[in-house]
Amino acid sequence: MSRLGTPVGVGIIGAGNISTQYLENLTKFADVEVRMVADLLLDRARAQAEAYGVPAHGTAEQLLARDDIQIVVNLTVPAVHTEIGQRAVAAGKHVWSEKPLATDRASAVELLEAAAAQGVRVACAPDTVLGAGIQTALRAIARGDIGEPLTATTMFHVPGPEAWHPDPDFLYATGAGPLFDMGPYYVTTLVHALGAAARVQAVSSKSQDRRTIGSGPRAGETFPVEVPTHHAALIEFRGGQSAQSTFSFQHALPRAGFVEINGTLGTISLPDPNTFEGDSTLWRYGQGGPTTIPATGSTWGRGTGVVELARAIREGRPERASGAVALHVLDVLLAIRDAAQSGSAVEVPSSIDAIPPLPEDFDPAAATSA
């Protein structure tokens, strides 16, 4: 098992689009230090390392051979998440993976089992759920502001990312689509709020077999759509609650970031689960108009979960964005996919323990490891 130093050494594998957001924050957090950036495209790794003052760049093999890197931040494409994760675990590193944890259940289970055998941890995005916006709402639910939670509604409806993303092909490939690309934000929020899911029913559709890239150097190129671009699901939870959720890349009228949770005493509207900020709005029976609940806590952004993981390891407690939570979320997403394909309800095979909200004073930028 790798031992955590002070600060914790971090290496990033994958220098693509999302790495910029991680590097912006991880290079400012006192409890971690980014020591290397790796990528298949060496020039891309060099450019990101130089842009953010990271002292080394190179290949994944070179990164994994370094003793001064304890946490590997895996920002590769979904199809190789578990391959890179397995290599990091075999090298004795803890892993923070971008979502989803895997594109199939067996690979996710194998990764978590390998990590347990090595005595290292695997944690997984989204860490947006650790931001002030969602955490403030979760604390409101936990203290009983809506009474006993009963039902939820979530919506993510957009035309599709090819309008703005310069290389959107992978977002329409197996393991992606709106269900696996955006679903983790919404389902993770739901399981933090309502607990473990038990069963799913769903339908799906695909509006086009090919899409056209709308911006960047490849504008005008077309590419195949391999997966459904709309899923509508009914999720039943082990505690008796339910949620209606839709995930779509085929709506001309965007309606994204919609999460409402209803309880015996009222309804709370949460901020966009793909952000780290945003106030919540509370309606209570018999109390007139809505009340705004201002967000309290950290709004630093991506990389927050890496710091929370490092602190959890040091403190000997479970991390909140754990591999177990990510596996359960993956199981829910796979159940939605399978229920839509089969036309029958699908049981969710895993469960999770309740996840406590963060304290209001949680700050990923604070120096706590001295």
Protein backbone atom coordinates (compact mmCIF):
# COMPACT_ATOMS: atom_id res chain seq x y z
CA MET A 1 0.00 0.00 0.00
CA SER A 2 1.31 3.46 -0.85
CA ARG A 3 1.79 5.84 2.09
CA LEU A 4 0.48 9.35 1.91
CA GLY A 5 3.04 12.10 2.19
CA THR A 6 2.50 15.75 3.05
CA PRO A 7 1.24 17.00 0.67
CA VAL A 8 -0.12 13.96 -1.15
CA GLY A 9 1.54 13.36 -4.51
CA VAL A 10 -0.92 13.33 -7.42
CA GLY A 11 -0.40 12.23 -11.01
CA ILE A 12 -2.89 12.91 -13.80
CA ILE A 13 -3.36 10.43 -16.64
CA GLY A 14 -5.31 12.00 -19.48
CA ALA A 15 -4.62 15.57 -20.61
CA GLY A 16 -7.82 16.14 -22.56
CA ASN A 17 -10.60 18.68 -22.20
CA ILE A 18 -11.59 17.91 -18.59
CA SER A 19 -7.99 18.01 -17.32
CA THR A 20 -8.00 21.80 -17.44
CA GLN A 21 -10.70 22.02 -14.77
CA TYR A 22 -8.86 19.54 -12.54
CA LEU A 23 -5.49 21.24 -12.97
CA GLU A 24 -6.95 24.68 -12.26
CA ASN A 25 -7.91 23.49 -8.78
CA LEU A 26 -5.51 20.70 -7.85
CA THR A 27 -2.52 22.98 -8.40
CA LYS A 28 -4.00 25.36 -5.78
CA PHE A 29 -4.99 22.87 -3.06
CA ALA A 30 -2.50 22.71 -0.18
CA ASP A 31 -3.13 19.07 0.79
CA VAL A 32 -2.15 17.72 -2.64
CA GLU A 33 0.62 18.37 -5.15
CA VAL A 34 0.36 17.52 -8.86
CA ARG A 35 3.73 16.04 -9.77
CA MET A 36 3.18 14.73 -13.29
CA VAL A 37 0.78 14.80 -16.24
CA ALA A 38 0.68 11.83 -18.64
CA ASP A 39 -1.09 11.22 -21.94
CA LEU A 40 -0.82 9.06 -25.04
CA LEU A 41 -0.22 12.34 -26.88
CA LEU A 42 3.03 13.52 -25.32
CA ASP A 43 2.74 17.05 -26.70
CA ARG A 44 -0.66 17.39 -25.02
CA ALA A 45 0.76 16.20 -21.69
CA ARG A 46 3.64 18.67 -22.02
CA ALA A 47 1.33 21.57 -22.83
CA GLN A 48 -0.90 20.96 -19.81
CA ALA A 49 2.04 20.44 -17.47
CA GLU A 50 3.72 23.63 -18.62
CA ALA A 51 0.49 25.63 -18.47
CA TYR A 52 -0.06 24.75 -14.80
CA GLY A 53 3.50 24.58 -13.53
CA VAL A 54 3.55 20.80 -13.10
CA PRO A 55 7.21 19.72 -13.01
CA ALA A 56 6.97 16.52 -15.11
CA HIS A 57 5.11 15.08 -18.08
CA GLY A 58 5.33 11.88 -20.07
CA THR A 59 3.71 8.47 -20.42
CA ALA A 60 1.37 6.62 -18.08
CA GLU A 61 4.10 4.02 -17.54
CA GLN A 62 6.51 6.68 -16.36
CA LEU A 63 3.90 8.16 -14.04
CA LEU A 64 2.97 4.83 -12.47
CA ALA A 65 6.65 4.04 -11.80
CA ARG A 66 7.08 7.09 -9.57
CA ASP A 67 7.20 6.48 -5.81
CA ASP A 68 6.24 10.08 -5.02
CA ILE A 69 2.78 9.75 -6.60
CA GLN A 70 0.20 8.23 -4.27
CA ILE A 71 -3.08 9.14 -6.03
CA VAL A 72 -3.64 8.69 -9.76
CA VAL A 73 -6.33 10.92 -11.25
CA ASN A 74 -7.71 8.95 -14.19
CA LEU A 75 -9.12 11.35 -16.81
CA THR A 76 -9.04 8.98 -19.77
CA VAL A 77 -12.06 8.17 -21.96
CA PRO A 78 -14.69 5.87 -20.37
CA ALA A 79 -13.71 2.84 -22.46
CA VAL A 80 -10.31 2.61 -20.71
CA HIS A 81 -11.23 3.79 -17.21
CA THR A 82 -10.89 0.33 -15.67
CA GLU A 83 -7.78 -0.60 -17.66
CA ILE A 84 -5.92 2.46 -16.38
CA GLY A 85 -7.43 1.96 -12.92
CA GLN A 86 -6.18 -1.62 -12.78
CA ARG A 87 -2.69 -0.55 -13.80
CA ALA A 88 -2.64 2.15 -11.12
CA VAL A 89 -3.88 -0.26 -8.45
CA ALA A 90 -1.27 -2.84 -9.48
CA ALA A 91 1.36 -0.13 -8.98
CA GLY A 92 0.09 0.43 -5.42
CA LYS A 93 -1.64 3.74 -6.14
CA HIS A 94 -4.97 5.03 -4.92
CA VAL A 95 -7.26 6.04 -7.80
CA TRP A 96 -9.62 8.90 -8.47
CA SER A 97 -11.50 8.10 -11.68
CA GLU A 98 -13.64 10.26 -13.86
CA LYS A 99 -17.13 8.85 -14.32
CA PRO A 100 -18.40 6.33 -15.05
CA LEU A 101 -16.31 3.93 -12.99
CA ALA A 102 -16.60 1.38 -15.82
CA THR A 103 -18.76 0.64 -18.83
CA ASP A 104 -19.75 -2.80 -17.50
CA ARG A 105 -20.36 -4.20 -14.03
CA ALA A 106 -17.81 -7.03 -14.11
CA SER A 107 -14.92 -4.65 -14.82
CA ALA A 108 -16.00 -2.32 -12.02
CA VAL A 109 -16.23 -5.17 -9.51
CA GLU A 110 -12.84 -6.53 -10.58
CA LEU A 111 -11.27 -3.10 -10.11
CA LEU A 112 -12.68 -2.66 -6.61
CA GLU A 113 -11.67 -6.19 -5.64
CA ALA A 114 -8.14 -5.61 -6.92
CA ALA A 115 -7.92 -2.36 -4.94
CA ALA A 116 -9.09 -4.09 -1.76
CA ALA A 117 -6.49 -6.82 -2.25
CA GLN A 118 -3.77 -4.18 -2.72
CA GLY A 119 -4.92 -2.12 0.27
CA VAL A 120 -5.60 0.97 -1.84
CA ARG A 121 -8.77 2.91 -2.53
CA VAL A 122 -10.72 3.71 -5.67
CA ALA A 123 -12.97 6.78 -5.67
CA CYS A 124 -14.93 8.25 -8.54
CA ALA A 125 -16.52 11.36 -9.98
CA PRO A 126 -18.80 13.17 -9.96
CA ASP A 127 -17.52 15.26 -7.08
CA THR A 128 -20.04 17.98 -7.95
CA VAL A 129 -22.16 16.30 -5.28
CA LEU A 130 -19.57 17.54 -2.74
CA GLY A 131 -20.05 21.19 -3.73
CA ALA A 132 -21.89 23.77 -1.66
CA GLY A 133 -25.01 23.63 -3.84
CA ILE A 134 -25.94 19.96 -3.50
CA GLN A 135 -24.44 19.60 0.00
CA THR A 136 -26.59 22.47 1.32
CA ALA A 137 -29.68 20.75 -0.08
CA LEU A 138 -28.63 17.40 1.40
CA ARG A 139 -28.16 19.00 4.82
CA ALA A 140 -31.65 20.54 4.51
CA ILE A 141 -33.15 17.14 3.72
CA ALA A 142 -31.18 15.50 6.53
CA ARG A 143 -32.48 17.98 9.13
CA GLY A 144 -36.08 17.35 8.03
CA ASP A 145 -36.92 20.49 6.04
CA ILE A 146 -39.17 18.47 3.70
CA GLY A 147 -40.11 15.84 6.26
CA GLU A 148 -39.69 12.24 5.13
CA PRO A 149 -38.52 12.15 1.48
CA LEU A 150 -41.01 10.37 -0.78
CA THR A 151 -40.47 11.10 -4.48
CA ALA A 152 -38.08 12.87 -6.84
CA THR A 153 -38.02 14.18 -10.39
CA THR A 154 -34.89 14.86 -12.46
CA MET A 155 -34.51 16.10 -16.04
CA PHE A 156 -31.54 16.53 -18.34
CA HIS A 157 -32.76 17.57 -21.81
CA VAL A 158 -30.38 19.12 -24.39
CA PRO A 159 -29.95 18.98 -28.19
CA GLY A 160 -26.56 17.27 -27.81
CA PRO A 161 -22.90 18.14 -27.08
CA GLU A 162 -21.77 18.01 -30.72
CA ALA A 163 -22.81 21.67 -31.03
CA TRP A 164 -19.93 22.78 -28.77
CA HIS A 165 -17.58 19.85 -28.12
CA PRO A 166 -14.72 19.67 -30.66
CA ASP A 167 -14.45 15.84 -30.41
CA PRO A 168 -17.91 14.57 -29.40
CA ASP A 169 -17.67 11.08 -30.94
CA PHE A 170 -16.95 9.31 -27.64
CA LEU A 171 -20.06 10.87 -26.07
CA TYR A 172 -22.20 8.84 -28.50
CA ALA A 173 -20.17 5.62 -28.21
CA THR A 174 -20.85 2.55 -26.09
CA GLY A 175 -20.48 3.51 -22.44
CA ALA A 176 -21.58 7.09 -23.02
CA GLY A 177 -24.69 8.76 -24.40
CA PRO A 178 -26.78 10.96 -22.10
CA LEU A 179 -27.38 8.04 -19.72
CA PHE A 180 -23.74 7.33 -18.90
CA ASP A 181 -22.33 10.79 -19.59
CA MET A 182 -24.85 12.87 -17.61
CA GLY A 183 -26.74 10.22 -15.66
CA PRO A 184 -24.02 9.90 -12.99
CA TYR A 185 -24.59 13.50 -11.81
CA TYR A 186 -28.30 12.98 -11.27
CA VAL A 187 -28.26 9.40 -9.98
CA THR A 188 -25.38 10.16 -7.59
CA THR A 189 -27.40 13.07 -6.17
CA LEU A 190 -30.43 10.82 -5.79
CA VAL A 191 -28.59 8.09 -3.90
CA HIS A 192 -26.96 10.67 -1.61
CA ALA A 193 -30.43 12.04 -0.86
CA LEU A 194 -32.60 8.90 -0.88
CA GLY A 195 -30.20 6.01 -0.28
CA ALA A 196 -29.77 2.80 -2.25
CA ALA A 197 -31.89 2.04 -5.30
CA ALA A 198 -33.65 -1.32 -5.63
CA ARG A 199 -35.37 -1.63 -9.01
CA VAL A 200 -35.70 0.22 -12.31
CA GLN A 201 -38.15 0.41 -15.23
CA ALA A 202 -37.30 2.41 -18.37
CA VAL A 203 -37.79 3.18 -22.06
CA SER A 204 -35.33 4.64 -24.58
CA SER A 205 -35.04 5.95 -28.15
CA LYS A 206 -32.51 7.24 -30.71
CA SER A 207 -33.46 10.17 -32.94
CA GLN A 208 -30.56 10.03 -35.44
CA ASP A 209 -28.07 7.42 -36.60
CA ARG A 210 -25.39 10.04 -37.32
CA ARG A 211 -24.57 13.45 -35.84
CA THR A 212 -22.65 16.43 -37.24
CA ILE A 213 -19.90 18.26 -35.35
CA GLY A 214 -20.85 21.91 -35.02
CA SER A 215 -17.63 23.63 -33.93
CA GLY A 216 -13.86 23.38 -33.85
CA PRO A 217 -11.44 22.06 -36.47
CA ARG A 218 -13.69 19.09 -37.29
CA ALA A 219 -16.86 21.16 -37.85
CA GLY A 220 -19.07 19.59 -40.51
CA GLU A 221 -17.77 16.05 -39.94
CA THR A 222 -20.37 13.39 -39.22
CA PHE A 223 -19.99 10.41 -36.89
CA PRO A 224 -22.11 7.38 -35.92
CA VAL A 225 -24.47 7.31 -32.93
CA GLU A 226 -24.00 3.94 -31.22
CA VAL A 227 -26.35 4.30 -28.23
CA PRO A 228 -29.86 5.58 -27.41
CA THR A 229 -30.01 9.34 -27.03
CA HIS A 230 -33.03 9.43 -24.72
CA HIS A 231 -33.80 7.40 -21.59
CA ALA A 232 -36.83 7.79 -19.33
CA ALA A 233 -36.66 5.84 -16.07
CA LEU A 234 -38.65 5.08 -12.94
CA ILE A 235 -36.28 4.26 -10.08
CA GLU A 236 -37.52 2.57 -6.90
CA PHE A 237 -35.42 2.89 -3.75
CA ARG A 238 -34.93 0.41 -0.93
CA GLY A 239 -36.46 2.85 1.55
CA GLY A 240 -39.70 2.98 -0.46
CA GLN A 241 -39.07 6.27 -2.31
CA SER A 242 -39.21 6.66 -6.10
CA ALA A 243 -37.75 8.94 -8.75
CA GLN A 244 -38.70 9.75 -12.33
CA SER A 245 -35.60 10.62 -14.37
CA THR A 246 -34.99 11.49 -18.01
CA PHE A 247 -31.65 11.84 -19.77
CA SER A 248 -31.72 13.15 -23.34
CA PHE A 249 -29.51 14.40 -26.16
CA GLN A 250 -32.52 14.92 -28.45
CA HIS A 251 -34.42 17.94 -27.13
CA ALA A 252 -34.34 21.23 -29.05
CA LEU A 253 -35.62 22.96 -25.89
CA PRO A 254 -32.94 22.60 -23.20
CA ARG A 255 -34.08 21.72 -19.69
CA ALA A 256 -31.00 20.73 -17.75
CA GLY A 257 -30.12 20.75 -14.09
CA PHE A 258 -33.64 19.96 -12.85
CA VAL A 259 -33.81 18.04 -9.56
CA GLU A 260 -36.78 18.16 -7.17
CA ILE A 261 -37.31 16.04 -4.08
CA ASN A 262 -40.70 15.87 -2.41
CA GLY A 263 -41.44 14.88 1.18
CA THR A 264 -44.22 14.67 3.71
CA LEU A 265 -43.77 18.35 4.70
CA GLY A 266 -42.68 19.99 1.46
CA THR A 267 -40.61 20.08 -1.72
CA ILE A 268 -37.03 21.17 -2.31
CA SER A 269 -35.64 22.22 -5.69
CA LEU A 270 -31.91 21.49 -5.88
CA PRO A 271 -29.32 23.34 -7.99
CA ASP A 272 -27.82 21.81 -11.13
CA PRO A 273 -25.98 18.62 -10.04
CA ASN A 274 -23.35 19.26 -12.72
CA THR A 275 -22.15 22.34 -10.82
CA PHE A 276 -20.67 22.97 -7.39
CA GLU A 277 -22.85 25.92 -6.47
CA GLY A 278 -26.40 27.24 -6.58
CA ASP A 279 -29.09 27.94 -4.01
CA SER A 280 -31.97 25.59 -3.22
CA THR A 281 -35.64 26.55 -3.03
CA LEU A 282 -37.99 25.16 -0.40
CA TRP A 283 -41.79 24.97 -0.46
CA ARG A 284 -43.62 23.78 2.66
CA TYR A 285 -47.31 22.95 2.96
CA GLY A 286 -49.33 25.77 4.47
CA GLN A 287 -46.48 28.29 4.52
CA GLY A 288 -47.17 30.37 1.42
CA GLY A 289 -44.45 31.18 -1.10
CA PRO A 290 -41.06 29.53 -1.48
CA THR A 291 -38.00 30.09 0.70
CA THR A 292 -34.49 30.33 -0.70
CA ILE A 293 -31.80 28.29 1.04
CA PRO A 294 -28.46 29.94 0.20
CA ALA A 295 -25.62 27.56 -0.64
CA THR A 296 -23.05 27.25 2.13
CA GLY A 297 -19.68 25.60 1.70
CA SER A 298 -17.02 25.05 -0.95
CA THR A 299 -17.57 25.91 -4.61
CA TRP A 300 -14.00 25.18 -5.75
CA GLY A 301 -14.93 22.67 -8.43
CA ARG A 302 -13.49 19.50 -9.91
CA GLY A 303 -10.68 18.02 -7.87
CA THR A 304 -12.59 18.52 -4.62
CA GLY A 305 -13.17 14.77 -4.45
CA VAL A 306 -9.45 14.06 -4.80
CA VAL A 307 -8.74 16.12 -1.69
CA GLU A 308 -11.65 14.54 0.22
CA LEU A 309 -10.24 11.12 -0.74
CA ALA A 310 -6.75 12.05 0.47
CA ARG A 311 -8.10 13.29 3.79
CA ALA A 312 -10.31 10.22 4.22
CA ILE A 313 -7.32 7.91 3.73
CA ARG A 314 -5.28 9.88 6.22
CA GLU A 315 -8.12 9.95 8.76
CA GLY A 316 -9.01 6.29 8.32
CA ARG A 317 -12.64 6.90 7.34
CA PRO A 318 -14.68 6.17 4.20
CA GLU A 319 -14.49 8.74 1.40
CA ARG A 320 -17.87 10.10 0.30
CA ALA A 321 -17.35 9.71 -3.45
CA SER A 322 -16.31 6.09 -2.99
CA GLY A 323 -15.92 3.30 -5.47
CA ALA A 324 -18.83 1.55 -3.73
CA VAL A 325 -21.10 4.52 -4.44
CA ALA A 326 -19.84 4.70 -8.03
CA LEU A 327 -20.51 0.97 -8.51
CA HIS A 328 -24.04 1.39 -7.17
CA VAL A 329 -24.65 4.35 -9.49
CA LEU A 330 -23.26 2.30 -12.39
CA ASP A 331 -25.62 -0.55 -11.44
CA VAL A 332 -28.56 1.86 -11.58
CA LEU A 333 -27.49 3.18 -14.99
CA LEU A 334 -26.99 -0.33 -16.35
CA ALA A 335 -30.39 -1.32 -14.97
CA ILE A 336 -31.96 1.64 -16.81
CA ARG A 337 -30.24 0.55 -20.03
CA ASP A 338 -31.25 -3.08 -19.60
CA ALA A 339 -34.82 -2.28 -18.57
CA ALA A 340 -35.25 -0.13 -21.68
CA GLN A 341 -33.87 -2.90 -23.89
CA SER A 342 -35.94 -5.68 -22.31
CA GLY A 343 -39.17 -3.86 -21.56
CA SER A 344 -39.12 -5.40 -18.07
CA ALA A 345 -38.21 -4.16 -14.60
CA VAL A 346 -34.58 -4.80 -13.60
CA GLU A 347 -33.31 -5.30 -10.05
CA VAL A 348 -30.29 -3.26 -8.90
CA PRO A 349 -27.77 -5.82 -7.59
CA SER A 350 -25.76 -3.66 -5.18
CA SER A 351 -26.55 -1.50 -2.18
CA ILE A 352 -24.77 1.26 -0.25
CA ASP A 353 -24.77 2.67 3.26
CA ALA A 354 -26.15 6.13 3.96
CA ILE A 355 -23.69 8.90 3.02
CA PRO A 356 -23.41 11.73 5.56
CA PRO A 357 -23.37 15.31 4.21
CA LEU A 358 -20.14 17.29 4.48
CA PRO A 359 -19.79 19.79 7.32
CA GLU A 360 -20.45 23.37 6.25
CA ASP A 361 -16.84 24.38 6.88
CA PHE A 362 -15.34 21.76 4.54
CA ASP A 363 -12.71 23.53 2.42
CA PRO A 364 -10.59 21.57 -0.07
CA ALA A 365 -8.11 24.46 -0.33
CA ALA A 366 -7.30 24.45 3.39
CA ALA A 367 -4.00 22.96 4.60
CA THR A 368 -4.95 20.11 6.94
CA SER A 369 -2.21 17.54 6.40
CA ALA A 370 0.59 19.14 8.42
